[in-house]
Amino acid sequence: MVSVTEIEAGLAAAEVIVNAIVKVAPAITQGVVSSVPYVQAIAGLIGGSNATPAQIDAVLAQINAATDQFLTPLPPDDGATTT
């Protein structure tokens, strides 16, 4: 039989996990949304669309800029996000 203490410990662990997910969710969402144009561009290159070296360089520059933005640390938690 599971004790009340074990249930409370399980709930506390679940709360920590949910809080961690809530904190990183905006960064994950931003990463997915910002990657769509690059995935489309890469798919076009693979699918046989012609691309000039300048176009390829432009796509790579956009990818690098988005990567730098994505890797920028999130601001400190202001306590406004709750579960």
N, C-alpha and C. Protein backbone atom coordinates (compact mmCIF):
# COMPACT_ATOMS: atom_id res chain seq x y z
N MET A 1 0.85 -1.17 0.00
CA MET A 1 0.00 0.00 0.00
C MET A 1 0.90 1.24 0.00
N VAL A 2 0.48 2.24 -0.74
CA VAL A 2 1.24 3.48 -0.86
C VAL A 2 0.84 4.42 0.28
N SER A 3 1.86 4.97 0.90
CA SER A 3 1.58 5.87 2.03
C SER A 3 1.33 7.29 1.53
N VAL A 4 0.78 8.11 2.40
CA VAL A 4 0.52 9.51 2.09
C VAL A 4 1.84 10.23 1.81
N THR A 5 2.87 9.89 2.55
CA THR A 5 4.18 10.51 2.35
C THR A 5 4.72 10.20 0.96
N GLU A 6 4.56 8.97 0.51
CA GLU A 6 5.03 8.59 -0.83
C GLU A 6 4.24 9.32 -1.91
N ILE A 7 2.95 9.48 -1.71
CA ILE A 7 2.13 10.21 -2.67
C ILE A 7 2.55 11.68 -2.72
N GLU A 8 2.77 12.26 -1.55
CA GLU A 8 3.20 13.66 -1.50
C GLU A 8 4.56 13.84 -2.18
N ALA A 9 5.47 12.89 -1.97
CA ALA A 9 6.78 12.95 -2.62
C ALA A 9 6.64 12.84 -4.13
N GLY A 10 5.77 11.97 -4.58
CA GLY A 10 5.52 11.83 -6.03
C GLY A 10 4.94 13.09 -6.62
N LEU A 11 4.02 13.72 -5.92
CA LEU A 11 3.43 14.97 -6.39
C LEU A 11 4.45 16.09 -6.42
N ALA A 12 5.33 16.13 -5.43
CA ALA A 12 6.38 17.16 -5.40
C ALA A 12 7.33 16.97 -6.59
N ALA A 13 7.68 15.73 -6.87
CA ALA A 13 8.56 15.46 -8.02
C ALA A 13 7.87 15.85 -9.32
N ALA A 14 6.60 15.54 -9.45
CA ALA A 14 5.85 15.89 -10.65
C ALA A 14 5.78 17.41 -10.81
N GLU A 15 5.62 18.12 -9.71
CA GLU A 15 5.55 19.58 -9.77
C GLU A 15 6.88 20.17 -10.26
N VAL A 16 7.99 19.62 -9.82
CA VAL A 16 9.30 20.08 -10.27
C VAL A 16 9.44 19.87 -11.77
N ILE A 17 9.02 18.71 -12.24
CA ILE A 17 9.11 18.40 -13.67
C ILE A 17 8.23 19.35 -14.48
N VAL A 18 7.00 19.56 -14.06
CA VAL A 18 6.08 20.46 -14.77
C VAL A 18 6.63 21.88 -14.78
N ASN A 19 7.16 22.34 -13.68
CA ASN A 19 7.73 23.69 -13.62
C ASN A 19 8.90 23.84 -14.58
N ALA A 20 9.73 22.83 -14.67
CA ALA A 20 10.87 22.88 -15.60
C ALA A 20 10.38 22.94 -17.04
N ILE A 21 9.37 22.17 -17.37
CA ILE A 21 8.82 22.18 -18.73
C ILE A 21 8.21 23.54 -19.04
N VAL A 22 7.48 24.11 -18.10
CA VAL A 22 6.86 25.42 -18.31
C VAL A 22 7.93 26.49 -18.56
N LYS A 23 9.05 26.40 -17.86
CA LYS A 23 10.12 27.39 -18.04
C LYS A 23 10.74 27.33 -19.42
N VAL A 24 10.93 26.13 -19.97
CA VAL A 24 11.61 26.01 -21.27
C VAL A 24 10.65 25.98 -22.45
N ALA A 25 9.38 25.87 -22.20
CA ALA A 25 8.40 25.79 -23.30
C ALA A 25 8.48 26.95 -24.28
N PRO A 26 8.60 28.21 -23.82
CA PRO A 26 8.69 29.30 -24.80
C PRO A 26 9.90 29.17 -25.72
N ALA A 27 11.02 28.74 -25.19
CA ALA A 27 12.22 28.58 -26.03
C ALA A 27 12.04 27.46 -27.04
N ILE A 28 11.42 26.38 -26.61
CA ILE A 28 11.17 25.26 -27.54
C ILE A 28 10.22 25.71 -28.64
N THR A 29 9.14 26.38 -28.27
CA THR A 29 8.18 26.86 -29.26
C THR A 29 8.84 27.82 -30.25
N GLN A 30 9.63 28.74 -29.74
CA GLN A 30 10.32 29.70 -30.61
C GLN A 30 11.25 28.97 -31.57
N GLY A 31 11.94 27.97 -31.07
CA GLY A 31 12.86 27.21 -31.92
C GLY A 31 12.14 26.49 -33.04
N VAL A 32 11.00 25.89 -32.72
CA VAL A 32 10.23 25.17 -33.74
C VAL A 32 9.69 26.14 -34.78
N VAL A 33 9.10 27.23 -34.33
CA VAL A 33 8.50 28.20 -35.25
C VAL A 33 9.57 28.84 -36.13
N SER A 34 10.70 29.22 -35.53
CA SER A 34 11.73 29.89 -36.31
C SER A 34 12.44 28.96 -37.27
N SER A 35 12.33 27.66 -37.07
CA SER A 35 13.02 26.72 -37.96
C SER A 35 12.22 26.41 -39.23
N VAL A 36 10.94 26.73 -39.26
CA VAL A 36 10.10 26.37 -40.41
C VAL A 36 10.65 26.91 -41.74
N PRO A 37 11.01 28.19 -41.87
CA PRO A 37 11.51 28.65 -43.17
C PRO A 37 12.79 27.94 -43.61
N TYR A 38 13.62 27.57 -42.65
CA TYR A 38 14.87 26.91 -42.99
C TYR A 38 14.64 25.48 -43.44
N VAL A 39 13.71 24.82 -42.78
CA VAL A 39 13.36 23.46 -43.20
C VAL A 39 12.79 23.50 -44.61
N GLN A 40 11.94 24.47 -44.89
CA GLN A 40 11.38 24.59 -46.23
C GLN A 40 12.47 24.86 -47.27
N ALA A 41 13.41 25.72 -46.93
CA ALA A 41 14.50 26.05 -47.86
C ALA A 41 15.37 24.83 -48.12
N ILE A 42 15.70 24.10 -47.06
CA ILE A 42 16.52 22.90 -47.21
C ILE A 42 15.77 21.85 -48.01
N ALA A 43 14.47 21.70 -47.77
CA ALA A 43 13.67 20.74 -48.53
C ALA A 43 13.66 21.12 -50.01
N GLY A 44 13.60 22.41 -50.31
CA GLY A 44 13.65 22.86 -51.70
C GLY A 44 14.97 22.52 -52.35
N LEU A 45 16.07 22.68 -51.61
CA LEU A 45 17.38 22.34 -52.15
C LEU A 45 17.48 20.84 -52.41
N ILE A 46 17.00 20.05 -51.46
CA ILE A 46 17.05 18.59 -51.62
C ILE A 46 16.11 18.14 -52.73
N GLY A 47 14.97 18.81 -52.84
CA GLY A 47 13.97 18.42 -53.82
C GLY A 47 14.34 18.80 -55.25
N GLY A 48 15.47 19.41 -55.45
CA GLY A 48 15.92 19.70 -56.81
C GLY A 48 15.74 21.13 -57.24
N SER A 49 15.22 21.99 -56.37
CA SER A 49 15.11 23.39 -56.75
C SER A 49 16.53 23.94 -56.92
N ASN A 50 16.70 24.72 -57.94
CA ASN A 50 18.03 25.31 -58.15
C ASN A 50 18.23 26.44 -57.17
N ALA A 51 19.43 26.51 -56.66
CA ALA A 51 19.79 27.59 -55.74
C ALA A 51 21.19 28.06 -56.11
N THR A 52 21.34 29.34 -56.11
CA THR A 52 22.66 29.90 -56.42
C THR A 52 23.51 29.87 -55.15
N PRO A 53 24.82 29.97 -55.30
CA PRO A 53 25.66 30.04 -54.09
C PRO A 53 25.27 31.20 -53.17
N ALA A 54 24.83 32.30 -53.75
CA ALA A 54 24.41 33.44 -52.93
C ALA A 54 23.16 33.09 -52.11
N GLN A 55 22.23 32.37 -52.72
CA GLN A 55 21.02 31.97 -51.99
C GLN A 55 21.36 31.00 -50.86
N ILE A 56 22.26 30.07 -51.14
CA ILE A 56 22.68 29.12 -50.11
C ILE A 56 23.37 29.86 -48.96
N ASP A 57 24.25 30.82 -49.31
CA ASP A 57 24.92 31.61 -48.28
C ASP A 57 23.90 32.40 -47.45
N ALA A 58 22.88 32.94 -48.10
CA ALA A 58 21.85 33.71 -47.39
C ALA A 58 21.09 32.81 -46.40
N VAL A 59 20.74 31.61 -46.84
CA VAL A 59 20.03 30.67 -45.96
C VAL A 59 20.91 30.30 -44.77
N LEU A 60 22.18 30.03 -45.05
CA LEU A 60 23.09 29.68 -43.95
C LEU A 60 23.25 30.84 -42.97
N ALA A 61 23.30 32.07 -43.48
CA ALA A 61 23.40 33.23 -42.60
C ALA A 61 22.16 33.36 -41.72
N GLN A 62 20.99 33.11 -42.30
CA GLN A 62 19.75 33.17 -41.51
C GLN A 62 19.73 32.08 -40.45
N ILE A 63 20.19 30.90 -40.81
CA ILE A 63 20.24 29.79 -39.84
C ILE A 63 21.17 30.16 -38.69
N ASN A 64 22.34 30.69 -39.02
CA ASN A 64 23.29 31.06 -37.98
C ASN A 64 22.74 32.16 -37.08
N ALA A 65 22.05 33.14 -37.66
CA ALA A 65 21.47 34.22 -36.85
C ALA A 65 20.39 33.67 -35.93
N ALA A 66 19.55 32.80 -36.46
CA ALA A 66 18.48 32.22 -35.63
C ALA A 66 19.07 31.34 -34.54
N THR A 67 20.14 30.64 -34.85
CA THR A 67 20.79 29.80 -33.83
C THR A 67 21.32 30.66 -32.71
N ASP A 68 21.97 31.77 -33.05
CA ASP A 68 22.49 32.67 -32.03
C ASP A 68 21.36 33.21 -31.15
N GLN A 69 20.24 33.57 -31.79
CA GLN A 69 19.10 34.09 -31.04
C GLN A 69 18.51 33.01 -30.13
N PHE A 70 18.41 31.78 -30.64
CA PHE A 70 17.84 30.69 -29.87
C PHE A 70 18.71 30.34 -28.66
N LEU A 71 20.01 30.46 -28.83
CA LEU A 71 20.93 30.10 -27.76
C LEU A 71 21.10 31.21 -26.71
N THR A 72 20.51 32.37 -26.96
CA THR A 72 20.56 33.45 -25.98
C THR A 72 19.81 33.02 -24.73
N PRO A 73 20.43 33.16 -23.56
CA PRO A 73 19.76 32.72 -22.33
C PRO A 73 18.42 33.44 -22.12
N LEU A 74 17.49 32.73 -21.53
CA LEU A 74 16.20 33.32 -21.19
C LEU A 74 16.39 34.31 -20.04
N PRO A 75 15.52 35.29 -19.94
CA PRO A 75 15.62 36.22 -18.81
C PRO A 75 15.32 35.47 -17.50
N PRO A 76 15.74 36.03 -16.39
CA PRO A 76 15.46 35.38 -15.10
C PRO A 76 13.97 35.23 -14.88
N ASP A 77 13.61 34.20 -14.17
CA ASP A 77 12.20 33.96 -13.85
C ASP A 77 11.70 35.09 -12.95
N ASP A 78 10.62 35.75 -13.38
CA ASP A 78 10.07 36.85 -12.59
C ASP A 78 8.93 36.38 -11.67
N GLY A 79 8.66 35.10 -11.71
CA GLY A 79 7.62 34.55 -10.85
C GLY A 79 6.22 34.70 -11.41
N ALA A 80 6.09 35.28 -12.61
CA ALA A 80 4.76 35.50 -13.20
C ALA A 80 4.17 34.21 -13.75
N THR A 81 5.01 33.25 -14.10
CA THR A 81 4.51 31.99 -14.66
C THR A 81 4.20 31.03 -13.53
N THR A 82 2.98 30.54 -13.52
CA THR A 82 2.57 29.59 -12.49
C THR A 82 1.95 28.39 -13.16
N THR A 83 1.85 27.32 -12.42
CA THR A 83 1.22 26.10 -12.94
C THR A 83 -0.14 25.93 -12.38
